[in-house]
Amino acid sequence: MLLKQATLDGIKRGDIRLAFRRWQRATVKAGTGLRTAIGVVRIGAVEVADEAALSDADARAAGYDSLGALTADLRDGDGRTLYRISFDGIEADNRLALREAANLSDADWHALAARFAKWDSTVPGYFLSILRLIGQNPELSAATLADRLGVEKLKFKQDVRKLKELGLTESLDIGYRLSPRGAATLEKLREHRL
């Protein structure tokens, strides 16, 4: 579920508490979090909604000036189900603090090494290659980095997300860079593998 910056700003201020989406099936689940530029937006209830029962209060809670503005946005239905999604607050994205944790404890290192060993069983050295490439080429586009590794851009971006979940990389407007934790991990990997 994508949220525009204006919507995120409204969620952060507390003005926006709802969203309405038409989907074949719900793409978010109640009780989960949605990572965004403002942190992790907690998803409250996800319910099927009846467009005829929507109110001006629903529209305002979703960031619209009027019910007419909300329903105008909902017109492109194509037979998809209308869902009402409530937001239940914002939490800090723990990856932000994790990125700065460059002093790897033994437990941190063993957990990371185990993850890399598991990944390497499929394609040996692939994730180390990604870390190296990003470390040597910050701010280079994903398409160019993927091409240099000989993989499809979509697969590359999915694999970088795995590294991001571990606090090892940071996304930029264009491309990526290693976080302090990523640089420390790359150095440890070099010590143990090269």
C-alpha atoms as a PDB file:
ATOM      1  CA  MET A   1       0.000   0.000   0.000  1.00  0.00           C
ATOM      2  CA  LEU A   2       1.540   3.262  -1.102  1.00  0.00           C
ATOM      3  CA  LEU A   3       0.837   6.480   0.757  1.00  0.00           C
ATOM      4  CA  LYS A   4       1.581   9.917  -0.694  1.00  0.00           C
ATOM      5  CA  GLN A   5       3.742  12.279   1.311  1.00  0.00           C
ATOM      6  CA  ALA A   6       0.776  14.576   1.996  1.00  0.00           C
ATOM      7  CA  THR A   7      -1.096  11.594   3.450  1.00  0.00           C
ATOM      8  CA  LEU A   8       1.908  10.627   5.559  1.00  0.00           C
ATOM      9  CA  ASP A   9       2.164  14.186   6.843  1.00  0.00           C
ATOM     10  CA  GLY A  10      -1.535  14.062   7.792  1.00  0.00           C
ATOM     11  CA  ILE A  11      -1.062  10.724   9.582  1.00  0.00           C
ATOM     12  CA  LYS A  12       1.866  12.183  11.477  1.00  0.00           C
ATOM     13  CA  ARG A  13      -0.171  15.223  12.554  1.00  0.00           C
ATOM     14  CA  GLY A  14      -3.086  12.970  13.516  1.00  0.00           C
ATOM     15  CA  ASP A  15      -5.425  14.530  10.924  1.00  0.00           C
ATOM     16  CA  ILE A  16      -5.624  11.402   8.778  1.00  0.00           C
ATOM     17  CA  ARG A  17      -6.790   8.216  10.461  1.00  0.00           C
ATOM     18  CA  LEU A  18      -8.323   6.330   7.514  1.00  0.00           C
ATOM     19  CA  ALA A  19      -7.649   5.311   3.948  1.00  0.00           C
ATOM     20  CA  PHE A  20      -9.926   3.762   1.356  1.00  0.00           C
ATOM     21  CA  ARG A  21      -8.635   1.493  -1.384  1.00  0.00           C
ATOM     22  CA  ARG A  22     -10.146  -0.702  -4.071  1.00  0.00           C
ATOM     23  CA  TRP A  23      -8.374  -4.044  -4.314  1.00  0.00           C
ATOM     24  CA  GLN A  24      -9.087  -7.529  -5.607  1.00  0.00           C
ATOM     25  CA  ARG A  25      -8.081  -8.576  -2.092  1.00  0.00           C
ATOM     26  CA  ALA A  26      -6.662  -6.595   0.807  1.00  0.00           C
ATOM     27  CA  THR A  27      -2.940  -5.935   0.477  1.00  0.00           C
ATOM     28  CA  VAL A  28      -2.441  -5.035   4.152  1.00  0.00           C
ATOM     29  CA  LYS A  29      -3.462  -6.854   7.320  1.00  0.00           C
ATOM     30  CA  ALA A  30      -4.729  -5.527  10.618  1.00  0.00           C
ATOM     31  CA  GLY A  31      -2.054  -5.435  13.285  1.00  0.00           C
ATOM     32  CA  THR A  32       0.860  -5.113  10.866  1.00  0.00           C
ATOM     33  CA  GLY A  33       3.118  -2.170  10.112  1.00  0.00           C
ATOM     34  CA  LEU A  34       3.726  -0.307   6.882  1.00  0.00           C
ATOM     35  CA  ARG A  35       7.227   1.116   6.500  1.00  0.00           C
ATOM     36  CA  THR A  36       7.137   4.680   5.240  1.00  0.00           C
ATOM     37  CA  ALA A  37       9.260   7.804   5.146  1.00  0.00           C
ATOM     38  CA  ILE A  38       7.814   8.898   8.524  1.00  0.00           C
ATOM     39  CA  GLY A  39       8.308   5.555  10.270  1.00  0.00           C
ATOM     40  CA  VAL A  40       6.226   2.418  10.575  1.00  0.00           C
ATOM     41  CA  VAL A  41       2.531   3.245  10.224  1.00  0.00           C
ATOM     42  CA  ARG A  42       0.553   0.711  12.273  1.00  0.00           C
ATOM     43  CA  ILE A  43      -2.459  -0.743  10.468  1.00  0.00           C
ATOM     44  CA  GLY A  44      -5.595  -0.990  12.594  1.00  0.00           C
ATOM     45  CA  ALA A  45      -8.734  -2.530  11.140  1.00  0.00           C
ATOM     46  CA  VAL A  46      -9.013  -3.547   7.486  1.00  0.00           C
ATOM     47  CA  GLU A  47     -12.681  -3.916   6.578  1.00  0.00           C
ATOM     48  CA  VAL A  48     -14.819  -4.151   3.483  1.00  0.00           C
ATOM     49  CA  ALA A  49     -16.621  -0.815   3.084  1.00  0.00           C
ATOM     50  CA  ASP A  50     -19.915   0.113   1.471  1.00  0.00           C
ATOM     51  CA  GLU A  51     -19.413   3.208  -0.669  1.00  0.00           C
ATOM     52  CA  ALA A  52     -23.058   4.224  -0.196  1.00  0.00           C
ATOM     53  CA  ALA A  53     -22.547   4.301   3.584  1.00  0.00           C
ATOM     54  CA  LEU A  54     -19.500   6.625   3.539  1.00  0.00           C
ATOM     55  CA  SER A  55     -19.888   9.933   5.338  1.00  0.00           C
ATOM     56  CA  ASP A  56     -18.330  13.380   5.363  1.00  0.00           C
ATOM     57  CA  ALA A  57     -16.583  12.353   8.591  1.00  0.00           C
ATOM     58  CA  ASP A  58     -15.018   9.359   6.782  1.00  0.00           C
ATOM     59  CA  ALA A  59     -13.836  11.672   4.013  1.00  0.00           C
ATOM     60  CA  ARG A  60     -12.255  14.139   6.462  1.00  0.00           C
ATOM     61  CA  ALA A  61     -10.607  11.288   8.411  1.00  0.00           C
ATOM     62  CA  ALA A  62      -9.091  10.141   5.091  1.00  0.00           C
ATOM     63  CA  GLY A  63      -7.740  13.622   4.322  1.00  0.00           C
ATOM     64  CA  TYR A  64     -10.421  14.812   1.876  1.00  0.00           C
ATOM     65  CA  ASP A  65     -12.280  18.105   2.012  1.00  0.00           C
ATOM     66  CA  SER A  66     -15.596  16.462   1.184  1.00  0.00           C
ATOM     67  CA  LEU A  67     -17.351  13.185   0.605  1.00  0.00           C
ATOM     68  CA  GLY A  68     -17.596  14.130  -3.084  1.00  0.00           C
ATOM     69  CA  ALA A  69     -13.785  14.412  -3.343  1.00  0.00           C
ATOM     70  CA  LEU A  70     -13.340  10.995  -1.724  1.00  0.00           C
ATOM     71  CA  THR A  71     -15.934   9.272  -3.904  1.00  0.00           C
ATOM     72  CA  ALA A  72     -14.461  10.882  -7.032  1.00  0.00           C
ATOM     73  CA  ASP A  73     -11.157   9.170  -6.178  1.00  0.00           C
ATOM     74  CA  LEU A  74     -12.981   5.871  -5.685  1.00  0.00           C
ATOM     75  CA  ARG A  75     -14.790   5.859  -9.046  1.00  0.00           C
ATOM     76  CA  ASP A  76     -12.271   3.641 -10.858  1.00  0.00           C
ATOM     77  CA  GLY A  77     -13.619   0.434  -9.322  1.00  0.00           C
ATOM     78  CA  ASP A  78     -13.406  -2.225 -12.056  1.00  0.00           C
ATOM     79  CA  GLY A  79     -15.443  -4.536  -9.822  1.00  0.00           C
ATOM     80  CA  ARG A  80     -12.809  -4.442  -7.088  1.00  0.00           C
ATOM     81  CA  THR A  81     -13.789  -4.447  -3.439  1.00  0.00           C
ATOM     82  CA  LEU A  82     -13.662  -1.205  -1.453  1.00  0.00           C
ATOM     83  CA  TYR A  83     -11.689  -1.470   1.787  1.00  0.00           C
ATOM     84  CA  ARG A  84     -11.567   0.874   4.765  1.00  0.00           C
ATOM     85  CA  ILE A  85      -8.127   0.875   6.432  1.00  0.00           C
ATOM     86  CA  SER A  86      -7.614   2.539   9.794  1.00  0.00           C
ATOM     87  CA  PHE A  87      -4.262   3.748  11.038  1.00  0.00           C
ATOM     88  CA  ASP A  88      -3.270   3.029  14.613  1.00  0.00           C
ATOM     89  CA  GLY A  89      -0.259   5.290  15.144  1.00  0.00           C
ATOM     90  CA  ILE A  90       3.358   5.472  14.079  1.00  0.00           C
ATOM     91  CA  GLU A  91       6.382   3.623  15.437  1.00  0.00           C
ATOM     92  CA  ALA A  92      10.046   4.283  14.834  1.00  0.00           C
ATOM     93  CA  ASP A  93      11.609   2.227  12.049  1.00  0.00           C
ATOM     94  CA  ASN A  94      14.085   0.050  13.976  1.00  0.00           C
ATOM     95  CA  ARG A  95      16.281  -0.212  10.877  1.00  0.00           C
ATOM     96  CA  LEU A  96      17.329   3.422  11.375  1.00  0.00           C
ATOM     97  CA  ALA A  97      18.977   2.733  14.739  1.00  0.00           C
ATOM     98  CA  LEU A  98      20.279  -0.601  13.479  1.00  0.00           C
ATOM     99  CA  ARG A  99      22.110   1.115  10.592  1.00  0.00           C
ATOM    100  CA  GLU A 100      24.177   3.127  13.051  1.00  0.00           C
ATOM    101  CA  ALA A 101      25.152   0.088  15.164  1.00  0.00           C
ATOM    102  CA  ALA A 102      28.577  -0.374  13.606  1.00  0.00           C
ATOM    103  CA  ASN A 103      30.137  -2.064  16.657  1.00  0.00           C
ATOM    104  CA  LEU A 104      29.072  -5.630  16.004  1.00  0.00           C
ATOM    105  CA  SER A 105      28.844  -7.816  19.076  1.00  0.00           C
ATOM    106  CA  ASP A 106      29.723 -11.488  18.790  1.00  0.00           C
ATOM    107  CA  ALA A 107      26.005 -12.288  18.768  1.00  0.00           C
ATOM    108  CA  ASP A 108      25.380  -9.702  16.010  1.00  0.00           C
ATOM    109  CA  TRP A 109      28.225 -11.082  13.942  1.00  0.00           C
ATOM    110  CA  HIS A 110      27.137 -14.712  14.360  1.00  0.00           C
ATOM    111  CA  ALA A 111      23.554 -13.836  13.382  1.00  0.00           C
ATOM    112  CA  LEU A 112      24.743 -11.973  10.287  1.00  0.00           C
ATOM    113  CA  ALA A 113      27.226 -14.714   9.363  1.00  0.00           C
ATOM    114  CA  ALA A 114      24.475 -17.334   9.663  1.00  0.00           C
ATOM    115  CA  ARG A 115      22.199 -15.293   7.411  1.00  0.00           C
ATOM    116  CA  PHE A 116      24.936 -14.881   4.797  1.00  0.00           C
ATOM    117  CA  ALA A 117      25.785 -18.592   4.983  1.00  0.00           C
ATOM    118  CA  LYS A 118      22.152 -19.449   4.329  1.00  0.00           C
ATOM    119  CA  TRP A 119      21.952 -17.053   1.390  1.00  0.00           C
ATOM    120  CA  ASP A 120      25.313 -18.236   0.029  1.00  0.00           C
ATOM    121  CA  SER A 121      24.055 -21.812  -0.172  1.00  0.00           C
ATOM    122  CA  THR A 122      21.995 -20.720  -3.193  1.00  0.00           C
ATOM    123  CA  VAL A 123      24.465 -18.391  -4.929  1.00  0.00           C
ATOM    124  CA  PRO A 124      27.868 -18.316  -3.190  1.00  0.00           C
ATOM    125  CA  GLY A 125      29.195 -14.813  -2.598  1.00  0.00           C
ATOM    126  CA  TYR A 126      26.246 -13.037  -4.217  1.00  0.00           C
ATOM    127  CA  PHE A 127      25.226 -10.888  -1.236  1.00  0.00           C
ATOM    128  CA  LEU A 128      28.848 -10.073  -0.454  1.00  0.00           C
ATOM    129  CA  SER A 129      29.118  -8.922  -4.092  1.00  0.00           C
ATOM    130  CA  ILE A 130      26.125  -6.634  -3.589  1.00  0.00           C
ATOM    131  CA  LEU A 131      27.658  -5.110  -0.450  1.00  0.00           C
ATOM    132  CA  ARG A 132      30.988  -4.583  -2.213  1.00  0.00           C
ATOM    133  CA  LEU A 133      29.360  -3.052  -5.274  1.00  0.00           C
ATOM    134  CA  ILE A 134      27.254  -0.636  -3.224  1.00  0.00           C
ATOM    135  CA  GLY A 135      30.267   0.225  -1.070  1.00  0.00           C
ATOM    136  CA  GLN A 136      32.308   1.059  -4.160  1.00  0.00           C
ATOM    137  CA  ASN A 137      29.474   2.805  -6.015  1.00  0.00           C
ATOM    138  CA  PRO A 138      27.181   4.764  -3.713  1.00  0.00           C
ATOM    139  CA  GLU A 139      24.387   6.654  -5.495  1.00  0.00           C
ATOM    140  CA  LEU A 140      24.622   4.480  -8.619  1.00  0.00           C
ATOM    141  CA  SER A 141      21.203   3.484  -9.969  1.00  0.00           C
ATOM    142  CA  ALA A 142      19.764   0.073  -9.187  1.00  0.00           C
ATOM    143  CA  ALA A 143      19.560  -0.694 -12.909  1.00  0.00           C
ATOM    144  CA  THR A 144      23.295  -0.061 -13.367  1.00  0.00           C
ATOM    145  CA  LEU A 145      24.235  -2.043 -10.260  1.00  0.00           C
ATOM    146  CA  ALA A 146      22.010  -4.947 -11.328  1.00  0.00           C
ATOM    147  CA  ASP A 147      23.558  -4.904 -14.789  1.00  0.00           C
ATOM    148  CA  ARG A 148      27.057  -5.059 -13.299  1.00  0.00           C
ATOM    149  CA  LEU A 149      26.050  -8.139 -11.315  1.00  0.00           C
ATOM    150  CA  GLY A 150      24.260  -9.696 -14.278  1.00  0.00           C
ATOM    151  CA  VAL A 151      20.845  -9.907 -12.591  1.00  0.00           C
ATOM    152  CA  GLU A 152      17.455  -8.403 -13.329  1.00  0.00           C
ATOM    153  CA  LYS A 153      16.766  -5.043 -11.717  1.00  0.00           C
ATOM    154  CA  LEU A 154      13.682  -6.292  -9.831  1.00  0.00           C
ATOM    155  CA  LYS A 155      15.579  -9.238  -8.319  1.00  0.00           C
ATOM    156  CA  PHE A 156      18.463  -6.956  -7.388  1.00  0.00           C
ATOM    157  CA  LYS A 157      16.148  -4.508  -5.620  1.00  0.00           C
ATOM    158  CA  GLN A 158      14.482  -7.362  -3.716  1.00  0.00           C
ATOM    159  CA  ASP A 159      17.890  -8.626  -2.614  1.00  0.00           C
ATOM    160  CA  VAL A 160      19.011  -5.167  -1.511  1.00  0.00           C
ATOM    161  CA  ARG A 161      15.823  -4.976   0.588  1.00  0.00           C
ATOM    162  CA  LYS A 162      17.030  -8.084   2.444  1.00  0.00           C
ATOM    163  CA  LEU A 163      20.242  -6.251   3.283  1.00  0.00           C
ATOM    164  CA  LYS A 164      18.268  -3.157   4.254  1.00  0.00           C
ATOM    165  CA  GLU A 165      16.196  -5.234   6.702  1.00  0.00           C
ATOM    166  CA  LEU A 166      19.454  -6.105   8.455  1.00  0.00           C
ATOM    167  CA  GLY A 167      20.410  -2.414   8.649  1.00  0.00           C
ATOM    168  CA  LEU A 168      23.265  -2.843   6.165  1.00  0.00           C
ATOM    169  CA  THR A 169      22.198  -0.516   3.346  1.00  0.00           C
ATOM    170  CA  GLU A 170      20.332   2.748   2.951  1.00  0.00           C
ATOM    171  CA  SER A 171      18.224   3.798  -0.010  1.00  0.00           C
ATOM    172  CA  LEU A 172      19.010   7.171  -1.559  1.00  0.00           C
ATOM    173  CA  ASP A 173      17.111   9.243  -4.121  1.00  0.00           C
ATOM    174  CA  ILE A 174      19.225   7.405  -6.682  1.00  0.00           C
ATOM    175  CA  GLY A 175      20.866   4.152  -5.669  1.00  0.00           C
ATOM    176  CA  TYR A 176      22.085   3.095  -2.258  1.00  0.00           C
ATOM    177  CA  ARG A 177      24.955   3.397   0.183  1.00  0.00           C
ATOM    178  CA  LEU A 178      26.300   1.201   2.940  1.00  0.00           C
ATOM    179  CA  SER A 179      25.250   2.139   6.435  1.00  0.00           C
ATOM    180  CA  PRO A 180      27.934   2.238   9.148  1.00  0.00           C
ATOM    181  CA  ARG A 181      26.734  -1.263  10.122  1.00  0.00           C
ATOM    182  CA  GLY A 182      26.982  -2.355   6.482  1.00  0.00           C
ATOM    183  CA  ALA A 183      30.558  -1.077   6.206  1.00  0.00           C
ATOM    184  CA  ALA A 184      31.510  -2.891   9.433  1.00  0.00           C
ATOM    185  CA  THR A 185      29.843  -6.075   8.199  1.00  0.00           C
ATOM    186  CA  LEU A 186      31.612  -5.885   4.856  1.00  0.00           C
ATOM    187  CA  GLU A 187      34.944  -5.504   6.667  1.00  0.00           C
ATOM    188  CA  LYS A 188      34.183  -8.528   8.884  1.00  0.00           C
ATOM    189  CA  LEU A 189      33.160 -10.560   5.847  1.00  0.00           C
ATOM    190  CA  ARG A 190      36.440  -9.665   4.149  1.00  0.00           C
ATOM    191  CA  GLU A 191      38.387 -10.758   7.230  1.00  0.00           C
ATOM    192  CA  HIS A 192      36.615 -14.102   7.355  1.00  0.00           C
ATOM    193  CA  ARG A 193      36.341 -14.867   3.657  1.00  0.00           C
ATOM    194  CA  LEU A 194      39.237 -13.234   1.835  1.00  0.00           C
END
